[in-house]
Protein backbone atom coordinates (compact mmCIF):
# COMPACT_ATOMS: atom_id res chain seq x y z
CA UNK A 1 148.31 22.32 9.82
CA UNK A 2 148.14 21.46 13.47
CA UNK A 3 150.57 24.69 14.28
CA UNK A 4 148.67 27.00 12.16
CA UNK A 5 145.13 25.35 13.52
CA UNK A 6 144.15 25.03 10.12
CA UNK A 7 140.74 23.49 9.51
CA UNK A 8 139.85 23.85 6.02
CA UNK A 9 140.43 25.92 2.54
CA UNK A 10 137.53 27.79 1.29
CA UNK A 11 137.31 30.08 -2.07
CA UNK A 12 138.90 27.22 -4.21
CA UNK A 13 139.89 27.60 -7.89
CA UNK A 14 141.57 24.97 -10.02
CA UNK A 15 141.94 24.91 -13.73
CA UNK A 16 143.95 23.22 -16.17
CA UNK A 17 146.25 25.36 -17.92
CA UNK A 18 147.67 23.29 -20.40
CA UNK A 19 147.40 19.58 -21.52
CA UNK A 20 148.15 17.23 -24.15
CA UNK A 21 148.89 13.51 -24.43
CA UNK A 22 152.24 13.51 -22.35
CA UNK A 23 151.91 16.43 -19.92
CA UNK A 24 149.65 18.93 -18.04
CA UNK A 25 149.90 22.12 -15.91
CA UNK A 26 147.38 22.52 -13.23
CA UNK A 27 146.92 25.91 -11.13
CA UNK A 28 144.93 26.26 -7.99
CA UNK A 29 144.28 29.05 -5.37
CA UNK A 30 142.44 29.42 -2.45
CA UNK A 31 142.24 30.47 1.32
CA UNK A 32 143.12 28.50 4.57
CA UNK A 33 141.24 29.35 7.32
CA UNK A 34 140.81 28.10 11.20
CA UNK A 35 137.49 26.91 12.85
CA UNK A 36 136.80 30.38 13.97
CA UNK A 37 136.85 31.24 10.19
CA UNK A 38 139.90 33.69 10.68
CA UNK A 39 142.37 33.80 7.75
CA UNK A 40 145.61 31.81 7.60
CA UNK A 41 146.68 32.82 4.36
CA UNK A 42 145.85 32.68 0.75
CA UNK A 43 147.89 30.69 -1.64
CA UNK A 44 148.24 30.10 -5.41
CA UNK A 45 150.02 26.94 -6.73
CA UNK A 46 151.40 25.46 -9.78
CA UNK A 47 151.39 21.56 -10.46
CA UNK A 48 153.00 19.71 -13.28
CA UNK A 49 152.22 16.32 -14.33
CA UNK A 50 153.21 13.80 -16.71
CA UNK A 51 151.85 10.71 -18.10
CA UNK A 52 153.45 7.42 -17.42
CA UNK A 53 152.40 3.74 -18.21
CA UNK A 54 150.93 3.83 -14.63
CA UNK A 55 149.00 7.12 -15.20
CA UNK A 56 149.40 10.76 -14.69
CA UNK A 57 151.96 11.59 -12.04
CA UNK A 58 153.05 14.88 -10.63
CA UNK A 59 156.57 15.74 -10.88
CA UNK A 60 156.48 19.46 -10.08
CA UNK A 61 155.13 21.63 -7.62
CA UNK A 62 155.43 25.18 -6.55
CA UNK A 63 153.55 27.19 -4.28
CA UNK A 64 153.41 30.85 -3.14
CA UNK A 65 151.75 32.31 0.09
CA UNK A 66 150.12 35.45 -0.94
CA UNK A 67 149.18 36.54 2.82
C-alpha cells in the first residue's frame, strides 16, 4: 500500500455469486487510487467461504489486476 501510495478504493462492487448452507462465493471489483485521485489499478477478486462451527471462514481468494 505504501509503495503504491494507495489512499482508498472507489467504484467498489461486491456481490454474492452463490451461497448455500455450507459454502459461499463472493466477487468484488473496484479501483484503487492515490490521494491525488490518480488510478493505481483496477481489480476483480473471487472469495470462497465455508461455514464452520465458529462461523464463516475464507478458504480461497484469487485476484486479477486489470490495469
